[in-house]
Amino acid sequence: MIPIPSGVGLWIATRHTDMRRSMQSFALAVQESLKRDPHAGDLYIIRGCRGDLVKILWHDGLGMSLYAKRLDRGKFIWPSASDGAVSISAAQMAYVLEGIDWRNPQLSWRPQRPG
């Protein structure tokens, strides 16, 4: 889990994007599309169009980090594309990363057995 300091904003970018982009390209997209400063310390969660991969862009004051998570099964629950960016809490981000609907917490898929 990412150690999230208090006071850090967590944003879901509602539009889908090309997940082959670099860290700098994601930062530029945050700056131009969302009109936010990618170096301000907020976390930006970005999803690809298939819905099974998310990336998190974060500048911690020392440097830029890019985290990725792919679900083995199921899709990440995402807000509608018309919203631009949606602010969420740390608990809601944990739900998003587990594949749980962050608006109504329930598992979207759970493994039946290990392996």
PDB file of N, CA and C in Angstrom:
ATOM      1  N   MET A   1       0.839  -1.180   0.000  1.00  0.00           N
ATOM      2  CA  MET A   1       0.000   0.000   0.000  1.00  0.00           C
ATOM      3  C   MET A   1       0.880   1.238   0.000  1.00  0.00           C
ATOM      4  N   ILE A   2       0.421   2.247  -0.667  1.00  0.00           N
ATOM      5  CA  ILE A   2       1.140   3.508  -0.753  1.00  0.00           C
ATOM      6  C   ILE A   2       0.945   4.265   0.562  1.00  0.00           C
ATOM      7  N   PRO A   3       2.034   4.719   1.198  1.00  0.00           N
ATOM      8  CA  PRO A   3       1.882   5.486   2.444  1.00  0.00           C
ATOM      9  C   PRO A   3       1.361   6.891   2.132  1.00  0.00           C
ATOM     10  N   ILE A   4       0.093   7.118   2.381  1.00  0.00           N
ATOM     11  CA  ILE A   4      -0.539   8.389   2.007  1.00  0.00           C
ATOM     12  C   ILE A   4      -0.495   9.344   3.197  1.00  0.00           C
ATOM     13  N   PRO A   5       0.253  10.437   3.083  1.00  0.00           N
ATOM     14  CA  PRO A   5       0.263  11.421   4.161  1.00  0.00           C
ATOM     15  C   PRO A   5      -1.084  12.126   4.275  1.00  0.00           C
ATOM     16  N   SER A   6      -1.388  12.629   5.441  1.00  0.00           N
ATOM     17  CA  SER A   6      -2.654  13.350   5.616  1.00  0.00           C
ATOM     18  C   SER A   6      -2.617  14.640   4.806  1.00  0.00           C
ATOM     19  N   GLY A   7      -3.772  15.035   4.329  1.00  0.00           N
ATOM     20  CA  GLY A   7      -3.889  16.258   3.549  1.00  0.00           C
ATOM     21  C   GLY A   7      -3.613  16.096   2.066  1.00  0.00           C
ATOM     22  N   VAL A   8      -3.285  14.885   1.639  1.00  0.00           N
ATOM     23  CA  VAL A   8      -3.021  14.634   0.224  1.00  0.00           C
ATOM     24  C   VAL A   8      -4.336  14.353  -0.479  1.00  0.00           C
ATOM     25  N   GLY A   9      -4.533  14.964  -1.629  1.00  0.00           N
ATOM     26  CA  GLY A   9      -5.745  14.735  -2.410  1.00  0.00           C
ATOM     27  C   GLY A   9      -5.620  13.468  -3.246  1.00  0.00           C
ATOM     28  N   LEU A  10      -6.710  12.748  -3.371  1.00  0.00           N
ATOM     29  CA  LEU A  10      -6.765  11.530  -4.180  1.00  0.00           C
ATOM     30  C   LEU A  10      -7.791  11.768  -5.273  1.00  0.00           C
ATOM     31  N   TRP A  11      -7.373  11.621  -6.527  1.00  0.00           N
ATOM     32  CA  TRP A  11      -8.224  11.940  -7.661  1.00  0.00           C
ATOM     33  C   TRP A  11      -8.310  10.769  -8.612  1.00  0.00           C
ATOM     34  N   ILE A  12      -9.519  10.458  -9.057  1.00  0.00           N
ATOM     35  CA  ILE A  12      -9.731   9.477 -10.116  1.00  0.00           C
ATOM     36  C   ILE A  12      -9.942  10.259 -11.400  1.00  0.00           C
ATOM     37  N   ALA A  13      -9.082  10.018 -12.378  1.00  0.00           N
ATOM     38  CA  ALA A  13      -9.265  10.619 -13.708  1.00  0.00           C
ATOM     39  C   ALA A  13     -10.298   9.766 -14.433  1.00  0.00           C
ATOM     40  N   THR A  14     -11.422  10.343 -14.768  1.00  0.00           N
ATOM     41  CA  THR A  14     -12.547   9.547 -15.267  1.00  0.00           C
ATOM     42  C   THR A  14     -12.404   9.086 -16.704  1.00  0.00           C
ATOM     43  N   ARG A  15     -11.621   9.780 -17.498  1.00  0.00           N
ATOM     44  CA  ARG A  15     -11.451   9.374 -18.899  1.00  0.00           C
ATOM     45  C   ARG A  15     -10.416   8.266 -18.998  1.00  0.00           C
ATOM     46  N   HIS A  16     -10.613   7.368 -19.949  1.00  0.00           N
ATOM     47  CA  HIS A  16      -9.654   6.302 -20.185  1.00  0.00           C
ATOM     48  C   HIS A  16      -8.458   6.859 -20.934  1.00  0.00           C
ATOM     49  N   THR A  17      -7.304   6.225 -20.753  1.00  0.00           N
ATOM     50  CA  THR A  17      -6.101   6.706 -21.420  1.00  0.00           C
ATOM     51  C   THR A  17      -5.252   5.534 -21.903  1.00  0.00           C
ATOM     52  N   ASP A  18      -4.307   5.831 -22.744  1.00  0.00           N
ATOM     53  CA  ASP A  18      -3.366   4.841 -23.248  1.00  0.00           C
ATOM     54  C   ASP A  18      -2.390   4.498 -22.124  1.00  0.00           C
ATOM     55  N   MET A  19      -2.391   3.256 -21.679  1.00  0.00           N
ATOM     56  CA  MET A  19      -1.579   2.862 -20.533  1.00  0.00           C
ATOM     57  C   MET A  19      -0.110   2.638 -20.891  1.00  0.00           C
ATOM     58  N   ARG A  20       0.255   2.806 -22.153  1.00  0.00           N
ATOM     59  CA  ARG A  20       1.661   2.679 -22.556  1.00  0.00           C
ATOM     60  C   ARG A  20       2.429   3.967 -22.333  1.00  0.00           C
ATOM     61  N   ARG A  21       1.750   4.998 -21.881  1.00  0.00           N
ATOM     62  CA  ARG A  21       2.376   6.297 -21.681  1.00  0.00           C
ATOM     63  C   ARG A  21       3.429   6.245 -20.573  1.00  0.00           C
ATOM     64  N   SER A  22       4.359   7.200 -20.636  1.00  0.00           N
ATOM     65  CA  SER A  22       5.400   7.311 -19.617  1.00  0.00           C
ATOM     66  C   SER A  22       4.905   8.158 -18.440  1.00  0.00           C
ATOM     67  N   MET A  23       5.718   8.197 -17.405  1.00  0.00           N
ATOM     68  CA  MET A  23       5.409   8.995 -16.231  1.00  0.00           C
ATOM     69  C   MET A  23       5.238  10.470 -16.603  1.00  0.00           C
ATOM     70  N   GLN A  24       6.136  10.985 -17.431  1.00  0.00           N
ATOM     71  CA  GLN A  24       6.077  12.382 -17.831  1.00  0.00           C
ATOM     72  C   GLN A  24       4.833  12.658 -18.682  1.00  0.00           C
ATOM     73  N   SER A  25       4.451  11.697 -19.498  1.00  0.00           N
ATOM     74  CA  SER A  25       3.264  11.856 -20.326  1.00  0.00           C
ATOM     75  C   SER A  25       1.994  11.873 -19.476  1.00  0.00           C
ATOM     76  N   PHE A  26       1.939  11.017 -18.439  1.00  0.00           N
ATOM     77  CA  PHE A  26       0.804  11.047 -17.517  1.00  0.00           C
ATOM     78  C   PHE A  26       0.759  12.380 -16.769  1.00  0.00           C
ATOM     79  N   ALA A  27       1.923  12.874 -16.337  1.00  0.00           N
ATOM     80  CA  ALA A  27       1.975  14.160 -15.629  1.00  0.00           C
ATOM     81  C   ALA A  27       1.487  15.298 -16.526  1.00  0.00           C
ATOM     82  N   LEU A  28       1.873  15.261 -17.793  1.00  0.00           N
ATOM     83  CA  LEU A  28       1.413  16.269 -18.736  1.00  0.00           C
ATOM     84  C   LEU A  28      -0.103  16.186 -18.938  1.00  0.00           C
ATOM     85  N   ALA A  29      -0.634  14.974 -18.987  1.00  0.00           N
ATOM     86  CA  ALA A  29      -2.084  14.793 -19.128  1.00  0.00           C
ATOM     87  C   ALA A  29      -2.825  15.348 -17.910  1.00  0.00           C
ATOM     88  N   VAL A  30      -2.292  15.136 -16.712  1.00  0.00           N
ATOM     89  CA  VAL A  30      -2.898  15.689 -15.494  1.00  0.00           C
ATOM     90  C   VAL A  30      -2.908  17.210 -15.577  1.00  0.00           C
ATOM     91  N   GLN A  31      -1.800  17.773 -16.018  1.00  0.00           N
ATOM     92  CA  GLN A  31      -1.692  19.228 -16.105  1.00  0.00           C
ATOM     93  C   GLN A  31      -2.619  19.815 -17.156  1.00  0.00           C
ATOM     94  N   GLU A  32      -2.686  19.200 -18.331  1.00  0.00           N
ATOM     95  CA  GLU A  32      -3.475  19.775 -19.418  1.00  0.00           C
ATOM     96  C   GLU A  32      -4.950  19.403 -19.364  1.00  0.00           C
ATOM     97  N   SER A  33      -5.261  18.136 -19.089  1.00  0.00           N
ATOM     98  CA  SER A  33      -6.662  17.696 -19.106  1.00  0.00           C
ATOM     99  C   SER A  33      -7.401  18.019 -17.817  1.00  0.00           C
ATOM    100  N   LEU A  34      -6.747  17.768 -16.680  1.00  0.00           N
ATOM    101  CA  LEU A  34      -7.424  17.968 -15.397  1.00  0.00           C
ATOM    102  C   LEU A  34      -7.174  19.351 -14.811  1.00  0.00           C
ATOM    103  N   LYS A  35      -6.249  20.122 -15.433  1.00  0.00           N
ATOM    104  CA  LYS A  35      -5.917  21.476 -14.962  1.00  0.00           C
ATOM    105  C   LYS A  35      -5.437  21.466 -13.514  1.00  0.00           C
ATOM    106  N   ARG A  36      -4.600  20.473 -13.177  1.00  0.00           N
ATOM    107  CA  ARG A  36      -4.051  20.348 -11.831  1.00  0.00           C
ATOM    108  C   ARG A  36      -2.532  20.235 -11.927  1.00  0.00           C
ATOM    109  N   ASP A  37      -1.857  20.566 -10.831  1.00  0.00           N
ATOM    110  CA  ASP A  37      -0.403  20.482 -10.781  1.00  0.00           C
ATOM    111  C   ASP A  37      -0.001  19.066 -10.380  1.00  0.00           C
ATOM    112  N   PRO A  38       0.630  18.283 -11.270  1.00  0.00           N
ATOM    113  CA  PRO A  38       1.015  16.912 -10.939  1.00  0.00           C
ATOM    114  C   PRO A  38       2.140  16.838  -9.908  1.00  0.00           C
ATOM    115  N   HIS A  39       2.806  17.970  -9.610  1.00  0.00           N
ATOM    116  CA  HIS A  39       3.904  17.988  -8.648  1.00  0.00           C
ATOM    117  C   HIS A  39       3.464  18.498  -7.278  1.00  0.00           C
ATOM    118  N   ALA A  40       2.158  18.688  -7.075  1.00  0.00           N
ATOM    119  CA  ALA A  40       1.650  19.250  -5.821  1.00  0.00           C
ATOM    120  C   ALA A  40       1.537  18.217  -4.700  1.00  0.00           C
ATOM    121  N   GLY A  41       1.717  16.932  -5.009  1.00  0.00           N
ATOM    122  CA  GLY A  41       1.665  15.907  -3.966  1.00  0.00           C
ATOM    123  C   GLY A  41       0.397  15.082  -3.963  1.00  0.00           C
ATOM    124  N   ASP A  42      -0.567  15.404  -4.820  1.00  0.00           N
ATOM    125  CA  ASP A  42      -1.799  14.620  -4.900  1.00  0.00           C
ATOM    126  C   ASP A  42      -1.553  13.333  -5.684  1.00  0.00           C
ATOM    127  N   LEU A  43      -2.408  12.324  -5.452  1.00  0.00           N
ATOM    128  CA  LEU A  43      -2.354  11.068  -6.188  1.00  0.00           C
ATOM    129  C   LEU A  43      -3.420  11.084  -7.262  1.00  0.00           C
ATOM    130  N   TYR A  44      -3.059  10.627  -8.455  1.00  0.00           N
ATOM    131  CA  TYR A  44      -3.979  10.573  -9.586  1.00  0.00           C
ATOM    132  C   TYR A  44      -4.090   9.128 -10.041  1.00  0.00           C
ATOM    133  N   ILE A  45      -5.312   8.592 -10.013  1.00  0.00           N
ATOM    134  CA  ILE A  45      -5.553   7.212 -10.418  1.00  0.00           C
ATOM    135  C   ILE A  45      -6.109   7.240 -11.836  1.00  0.00           C
ATOM    136  N   ILE A  46      -5.459   6.487 -12.717  1.00  0.00           N
ATOM    137  CA  ILE A  46      -5.775   6.507 -14.148  1.00  0.00           C
ATOM    138  C   ILE A  46      -6.088   5.084 -14.585  1.00  0.00           C
ATOM    139  N   ARG A  47      -7.093   4.905 -15.431  1.00  0.00           N
ATOM    140  CA  ARG A  47      -7.496   3.580 -15.901  1.00  0.00           C
ATOM    141  C   ARG A  47      -7.403   3.481 -17.409  1.00  0.00           C
ATOM    142  N   GLY A  48      -7.043   2.305 -17.886  1.00  0.00           N
ATOM    143  CA  GLY A  48      -7.042   2.032 -19.320  1.00  0.00           C
ATOM    144  C   GLY A  48      -8.435   1.674 -19.794  1.00  0.00           C
ATOM    145  N   CYS A  49      -8.617   1.539 -21.110  1.00  0.00           N
ATOM    146  CA  CYS A  49      -9.968   1.299 -21.632  1.00  0.00           C
ATOM    147  C   CYS A  49     -10.468  -0.121 -21.373  1.00  0.00           C
ATOM    148  N   ARG A  50      -9.594  -1.112 -21.181  1.00  0.00           N
ATOM    149  CA  ARG A  50     -10.075  -2.464 -20.857  1.00  0.00           C
ATOM    150  C   ARG A  50     -10.622  -2.543 -19.441  1.00  0.00           C
ATOM    151  N   GLY A  51     -10.148  -1.676 -18.559  1.00  0.00           N
ATOM    152  CA  GLY A  51     -10.701  -1.609 -17.215  1.00  0.00           C
ATOM    153  C   GLY A  51     -10.047  -2.520 -16.195  1.00  0.00           C
ATOM    154  N   ASP A  52      -9.047  -3.302 -16.584  1.00  0.00           N
ATOM    155  CA  ASP A  52      -8.415  -4.212 -15.628  1.00  0.00           C
ATOM    156  C   ASP A  52      -7.060  -3.708 -15.136  1.00  0.00           C
ATOM    157  N   LEU A  53      -6.624  -2.537 -15.589  1.00  0.00           N
ATOM    158  CA  LEU A  53      -5.336  -1.973 -15.210  1.00  0.00           C
ATOM    159  C   LEU A  53      -5.517  -0.527 -14.773  1.00  0.00           C
ATOM    160  N   VAL A  54      -4.936  -0.189 -13.619  1.00  0.00           N
ATOM    161  CA  VAL A  54      -4.881   1.204 -13.174  1.00  0.00           C
ATOM    162  C   VAL A  54      -3.436   1.566 -12.894  1.00  0.00           C
ATOM    163  N   LYS A  55      -3.140   2.844 -13.038  1.00  0.00           N
ATOM    164  CA  LYS A  55      -1.844   3.383 -12.662  1.00  0.00           C
ATOM    165  C   LYS A  55      -2.086   4.583 -11.766  1.00  0.00           C
ATOM    166  N   ILE A  56      -1.188   4.756 -10.804  1.00  0.00           N
ATOM    167  CA  ILE A  56      -1.286   5.864  -9.856  1.00  0.00           C
ATOM    168  C   ILE A  56      -0.045   6.722 -10.007  1.00  0.00           C
ATOM    169  N   LEU A  57      -0.253   7.993 -10.277  1.00  0.00           N
ATOM    170  CA  LEU A  57       0.833   8.950 -10.421  1.00  0.00           C
ATOM    171  C   LEU A  57       0.908   9.766  -9.138  1.00  0.00           C
ATOM    172  N   TRP A  58       2.138   9.886  -8.586  1.00  0.00           N
ATOM    173  CA  TRP A  58       2.292  10.602  -7.325  1.00  0.00           C
ATOM    174  C   TRP A  58       3.656  11.252  -7.267  1.00  0.00           C
ATOM    175  N   HIS A  59       3.681  12.515  -6.907  1.00  0.00           N
ATOM    176  CA  HIS A  59       4.939  13.218  -6.642  1.00  0.00           C
ATOM    177  C   HIS A  59       5.009  13.437  -5.140  1.00  0.00           C
ATOM    178  N   ASP A  60       6.012  12.832  -4.489  1.00  0.00           N
ATOM    179  CA  ASP A  60       6.098  12.873  -3.027  1.00  0.00           C
ATOM    180  C   ASP A  60       6.956  14.020  -2.499  1.00  0.00           C
ATOM    181  N   GLY A  61       7.349  14.937  -3.362  1.00  0.00           N
ATOM    182  CA  GLY A  61       8.194  16.046  -2.949  1.00  0.00           C
ATOM    183  C   GLY A  61       9.645  15.819  -3.324  1.00  0.00           C
ATOM    184  N   LEU A  62      10.024  14.567  -3.511  1.00  0.00           N
ATOM    185  CA  LEU A  62      11.390  14.223  -3.918  1.00  0.00           C
ATOM    186  C   LEU A  62      11.465  13.783  -5.367  1.00  0.00           C
ATOM    187  N   GLY A  63      10.395  13.164  -5.841  1.00  0.00           N
ATOM    188  CA  GLY A  63      10.381  12.668  -7.209  1.00  0.00           C
ATOM    189  C   GLY A  63       9.030  12.076  -7.560  1.00  0.00           C
ATOM    190  N   MET A  64       8.861  11.788  -8.837  1.00  0.00           N
ATOM    191  CA  MET A  64       7.610  11.247  -9.355  1.00  0.00           C
ATOM    192  C   MET A  64       7.644   9.725  -9.256  1.00  0.00           C
ATOM    193  N   SER A  65       6.509   9.132  -8.859  1.00  0.00           N
ATOM    194  CA  SER A  65       6.356   7.678  -8.801  1.00  0.00           C
ATOM    195  C   SER A  65       5.164   7.280  -9.651  1.00  0.00           C
ATOM    196  N   LEU A  66       5.254   6.101 -10.245  1.00  0.00           N
ATOM    197  CA  LEU A  66       4.159   5.560 -11.032  1.00  0.00           C
ATOM    198  C   LEU A  66       3.930   4.121 -10.566  1.00  0.00           C
ATOM    199  N   TYR A  67       2.774   3.882  -9.983  1.00  0.00           N
ATOM    200  CA  TYR A  67       2.406   2.558  -9.496  1.00  0.00           C
ATOM    201  C   TYR A  67       1.391   1.957 -10.460  1.00  0.00           C
ATOM    202  N   ALA A  68       1.413   0.635 -10.587  1.00  0.00           N
ATOM    203  CA  ALA A  68       0.468  -0.045 -11.479  1.00  0.00           C
ATOM    204  C   ALA A  68      -0.139  -1.246 -10.771  1.00  0.00           C
ATOM    205  N   LYS A  69      -1.405  -1.517 -11.079  1.00  0.00           N
ATOM    206  CA  LYS A  69      -2.072  -2.715 -10.575  1.00  0.00           C
ATOM    207  C   LYS A  69      -2.991  -3.246 -11.664  1.00  0.00           C
ATOM    208  N   ARG A  70      -2.887  -4.549 -11.919  1.00  0.00           N
ATOM    209  CA  ARG A  70      -3.748  -5.223 -12.882  1.00  0.00           C
ATOM    210  C   ARG A  70      -4.544  -6.287 -12.125  1.00  0.00           C
ATOM    211  N   LEU A  71      -5.854  -6.323 -12.344  1.00  0.00           N
ATOM    212  CA  LEU A  71      -6.695  -7.353 -11.744  1.00  0.00           C
ATOM    213  C   LEU A  71      -6.605  -8.629 -12.574  1.00  0.00           C
ATOM    214  N   ASP A  72      -6.511  -9.771 -11.906  1.00  0.00           N
ATOM    215  CA  ASP A  72      -6.504 -11.054 -12.608  1.00  0.00           C
ATOM    216  C   ASP A  72      -7.853 -11.342 -13.235  1.00  0.00           C
ATOM    217  N   ARG A  73      -8.899 -10.881 -12.551  1.00  0.00           N
ATOM    218  CA  ARG A  73     -10.251 -11.114 -13.036  1.00  0.00           C
ATOM    219  C   ARG A  73     -11.136  -9.963 -12.597  1.00  0.00           C
ATOM    220  N   GLY A  74     -12.070  -9.576 -13.415  1.00  0.00           N
ATOM    221  CA  GLY A  74     -12.949  -8.458 -13.090  1.00  0.00           C
ATOM    222  C   GLY A  74     -12.388  -7.146 -13.607  1.00  0.00           C
ATOM    223  N   LYS A  75     -13.079  -6.071 -13.292  1.00  0.00           N
ATOM    224  CA  LYS A  75     -12.692  -4.739 -13.741  1.00  0.00           C
ATOM    225  C   LYS A  75     -12.782  -3.763 -12.575  1.00  0.00           C
ATOM    226  N   PHE A  76     -12.012  -2.699 -12.690  1.00  0.00           N
ATOM    227  CA  PHE A  76     -12.095  -1.631 -11.706  1.00  0.00           C
ATOM    228  C   PHE A  76     -13.373  -0.849 -11.945  1.00  0.00           C
ATOM    229  N   ILE A  77     -14.064  -0.492 -10.867  1.00  0.00           N
ATOM    230  CA  ILE A  77     -15.303   0.282 -10.947  1.00  0.00           C
ATOM    231  C   ILE A  77     -14.913   1.751 -11.100  1.00  0.00           C
ATOM    232  N   TRP A  78     -15.493   2.407 -12.109  1.00  0.00           N
ATOM    233  CA  TRP A  78     -15.062   3.755 -12.477  1.00  0.00           C
ATOM    234  C   TRP A  78     -16.245   4.697 -12.597  1.00  0.00           C
ATOM    235  N   PRO A  79     -16.075   5.977 -12.244  1.00  0.00           N
ATOM    236  CA  PRO A  79     -17.158   6.962 -12.425  1.00  0.00           C
ATOM    237  C   PRO A  79     -17.365   7.283 -13.901  1.00  0.00           C
ATOM    238  N   SER A  80     -18.455   7.960 -14.198  1.00  0.00           N
ATOM    239  CA  SER A  80     -18.763   8.305 -15.591  1.00  0.00           C
ATOM    240  C   SER A  80     -17.718   9.274 -16.148  1.00  0.00           C
ATOM    241  N   ALA A  81     -17.535   9.224 -17.452  1.00  0.00           N
ATOM    242  CA  ALA A  81     -16.488  10.001 -18.111  1.00  0.00           C
ATOM    243  C   ALA A  81     -16.759  11.502 -18.137  1.00  0.00           C
ATOM    244  N   SER A  82     -17.964  11.919 -17.884  1.00  0.00           N
ATOM    245  CA  SER A  82     -18.291  13.338 -17.969  1.00  0.00           C
ATOM    246  C   SER A  82     -17.781  14.143 -16.777  1.00  0.00           C
ATOM    247  N   ASP A  83     -17.350  13.460 -15.724  1.00  0.00           N
ATOM    248  CA  ASP A  83     -16.957  14.162 -14.504  1.00  0.00           C
ATOM    249  C   ASP A  83     -15.567  14.786 -14.557  1.00  0.00           C
ATOM    250  N   GLY A  84     -14.662  14.351 -15.431  1.00  0.00           N
ATOM    251  CA  GLY A  84     -13.295  14.874 -15.500  1.00  0.00           C
ATOM    252  C   GLY A  84     -12.411  14.242 -14.453  1.00  0.00           C
ATOM    253  N   ALA A  85     -12.533  14.664 -13.208  1.00  0.00           N
ATOM    254  CA  ALA A  85     -11.797  14.084 -12.093  1.00  0.00           C
ATOM    255  C   ALA A  85     -12.701  14.059 -10.873  1.00  0.00           C
ATOM    256  N   VAL A  86     -12.629  12.986 -10.112  1.00  0.00           N
ATOM    257  CA  VAL A  86     -13.452  12.825  -8.924  1.00  0.00           C
ATOM    258  C   VAL A  86     -12.538  12.686  -7.720  1.00  0.00           C
ATOM    259  N   SER A  87     -12.779  13.465  -6.685  1.00  0.00           N
ATOM    260  CA  SER A  87     -12.005  13.381  -5.457  1.00  0.00           C
ATOM    261  C   SER A  87     -12.552  12.239  -4.596  1.00  0.00           C
ATOM    262  N   ILE A  88     -11.643  11.410  -4.061  1.00  0.00           N
ATOM    263  CA  ILE A  88     -12.052  10.294  -3.203  1.00  0.00           C
ATOM    264  C   ILE A  88     -11.213  10.293  -1.936  1.00  0.00           C
ATOM    265  N   SER A  89     -11.625   9.496  -0.948  1.00  0.00           N
ATOM    266  CA  SER A  89     -10.892   9.363   0.307  1.00  0.00           C
ATOM    267  C   SER A  89      -9.886   8.212   0.196  1.00  0.00           C
ATOM    268  N   ALA A  90      -9.019   8.092   1.180  1.00  0.00           N
ATOM    269  CA  ALA A  90      -8.044   6.994   1.205  1.00  0.00           C
ATOM    270  C   ALA A  90      -8.746   5.642   1.296  1.00  0.00           C
ATOM    271  N   ALA A  91      -9.838   5.568   2.055  1.00  0.00           N
ATOM    272  CA  ALA A  91     -10.592   4.322   2.160  1.00  0.00           C
ATOM    273  C   ALA A  91     -11.211   3.942   0.821  1.00  0.00           C
ATOM    274  N   GLN A  92     -11.750   4.932   0.115  1.00  0.00           N
ATOM    275  CA  GLN A  92     -12.323   4.669  -1.206  1.00  0.00           C
ATOM    276  C   GLN A  92     -11.250   4.226  -2.185  1.00  0.00           C
ATOM    277  N   MET A  93     -10.039   4.784  -2.089  1.00  0.00           N
ATOM    278  CA  MET A  93      -8.953   4.356  -2.955  1.00  0.00           C
ATOM    279  C   MET A  93      -8.597   2.892  -2.682  1.00  0.00           C
ATOM    280  N   ALA A  94      -8.611   2.502  -1.418  1.00  0.00           N
ATOM    281  CA  ALA A  94      -8.341   1.101  -1.084  1.00  0.00           C
ATOM    282  C   ALA A  94      -9.397   0.197  -1.719  1.00  0.00           C
ATOM    283  N   TYR A  95     -10.663   0.619  -1.706  1.00  0.00           N
ATOM    284  CA  TYR A  95     -11.722  -0.145  -2.377  1.00  0.00           C
ATOM    285  C   TYR A  95     -11.459  -0.243  -3.878  1.00  0.00           C
ATOM    286  N   VAL A  96     -11.108   0.885  -4.489  1.00  0.00           N
ATOM    287  CA  VAL A  96     -10.835   0.894  -5.930  1.00  0.00           C
ATOM    288  C   VAL A  96      -9.750  -0.115  -6.261  1.00  0.00           C
ATOM    289  N   LEU A  97      -8.661  -0.116  -5.500  1.00  0.00           N
ATOM    290  CA  LEU A  97      -7.531  -0.989  -5.786  1.00  0.00           C
ATOM    291  C   LEU A  97      -7.833  -2.464  -5.534  1.00  0.00           C
ATOM    292  N   GLU A  98      -8.877  -2.756  -4.774  1.00  0.00           N
ATOM    293  CA  GLU A  98      -9.289  -4.145  -4.545  1.00  0.00           C
ATOM    294  C   GLU A  98     -10.343  -4.606  -5.545  1.00  0.00           C
ATOM    295  N   GLY A  99     -10.770  -3.720  -6.431  1.00  0.00           N
ATOM    296  CA  GLY A  99     -11.798  -4.079  -7.397  1.00  0.00           C
ATOM    297  C   GLY A  99     -13.197  -4.014  -6.823  1.00  0.00           C
ATOM    298  N   ILE A 100     -13.359  -3.291  -5.732  1.00  0.00           N
ATOM    299  CA  ILE A 100     -14.648  -3.141  -5.058  1.00  0.00           C
ATOM    300  C   ILE A 100     -15.258  -1.811  -5.481  1.00  0.00           C
ATOM    301  N   ASP A 101     -16.566  -1.800  -5.679  1.00  0.00           N
ATOM    302  CA  ASP A 101     -17.251  -0.556  -6.030  1.00  0.00           C
ATOM    303  C   ASP A 101     -17.103   0.425  -4.873  1.00  0.00           C
ATOM    304  N   TRP A 102     -16.363   1.495  -5.078  1.00  0.00           N
ATOM    305  CA  TRP A 102     -16.066   2.452  -4.012  1.00  0.00           C
ATOM    306  C   TRP A 102     -17.274   3.275  -3.600  1.00  0.00           C
ATOM    307  N   ARG A 103     -18.330   3.278  -4.428  1.00  0.00           N
ATOM    308  CA  ARG A 103     -19.551   4.010  -4.075  1.00  0.00           C
ATOM    309  C   ARG A 103     -20.495   3.141  -3.243  1.00  0.00           C
ATOM    310  N   ASN A 104     -20.414   1.810  -3.425  1.00  0.00           N
ATOM    311  CA  ASN A 104     -21.240   0.846  -2.705  1.00  0.00           C
ATOM    312  C   ASN A 104     -20.367  -0.390  -2.468  1.00  0.00           C
ATOM    313  N   PRO A 105     -19.590  -0.411  -1.379  1.00  0.00           N
ATOM    314  CA  PRO A 105     -18.552  -1.424  -1.199  1.00  0.00           C
ATOM    315  C   PRO A 105     -19.066  -2.877  -1.186  1.00  0.00           C
ATOM    316  N   GLN A 106     -18.790  -3.589  -2.273  1.00  0.00           N
ATOM    317  CA  GLN A 106     -19.044  -5.021  -2.396  1.00  0.00           C
ATOM    318  C   GLN A 106     -17.994  -5.582  -3.337  1.00  0.00           C
ATOM    319  N   LEU A 107     -17.553  -6.804  -3.099  1.00  0.00           N
ATOM    320  CA  LEU A 107     -16.564  -7.417  -3.976  1.00  0.00           C
ATOM    321  C   LEU A 107     -17.136  -7.639  -5.361  1.00  0.00           C
ATOM    322  N   SER A 108     -16.370  -7.291  -6.397  1.00  0.00           N
ATOM    323  CA  SER A 108     -16.811  -7.565  -7.760  1.00  0.00           C
ATOM    324  C   SER A 108     -16.432  -8.980  -8.183  1.00  0.00           C
ATOM    325  N   TRP A 109     -15.405  -9.562  -7.539  1.00  0.00           N
ATOM    326  CA  TRP A 109     -14.975 -10.925  -7.801  1.00  0.00           C
ATOM    327  C   TRP A 109     -14.055 -11.347  -6.685  1.00  0.00           C
ATOM    328  N   ARG A 110     -14.177 -12.574  -6.232  1.00  0.00           N
ATOM    329  CA  ARG A 110     -13.311 -13.100  -5.177  1.00  0.00           C
ATOM    330  C   ARG A 110     -12.822 -14.480  -5.596  1.00  0.00           C
ATOM    331  N   PRO A 111     -11.515 -14.769  -5.465  1.00  0.00           N
ATOM    332  CA  PRO A 111     -10.999 -16.080  -5.843  1.00  0.00           C
ATOM    333  C   PRO A 111     -11.617 -17.191  -5.001  1.00  0.00           C
ATOM    334  N   GLN A 112     -11.915 -18.311  -5.633  1.00  0.00           N
ATOM    335  CA  GLN A 112     -12.499 -19.455  -4.922  1.00  0.00           C
ATOM    336  C   GLN A 112     -11.440 -20.267  -4.181  1.00  0.00           C
ATOM    337  N   ARG A 113     -10.239 -20.332  -4.763  1.00  0.00           N
ATOM    338  CA  ARG A 113      -9.138 -21.076  -4.140  1.00  0.00           C
ATOM    339  C   ARG A 113      -7.814 -20.479  -4.589  1.00  0.00           C
ATOM    340  N   PRO A 114      -6.757 -20.700  -3.817  1.00  0.00           N
ATOM    341  CA  PRO A 114      -5.463 -20.161  -4.219  1.00  0.00           C
ATOM    342  C   PRO A 114      -4.912 -20.870  -5.438  1.00  0.00           C
ATOM    343  N   GLY A 115      -4.122 -20.132  -6.220  1.00  0.00           N
ATOM    344  CA  GLY A 115      -3.437 -20.724  -7.370  1.00  0.00           C
ATOM    345  C   GLY A 115      -4.214 -20.738  -8.560  1.00  0.00           C
TER     346      GLY A 115
END
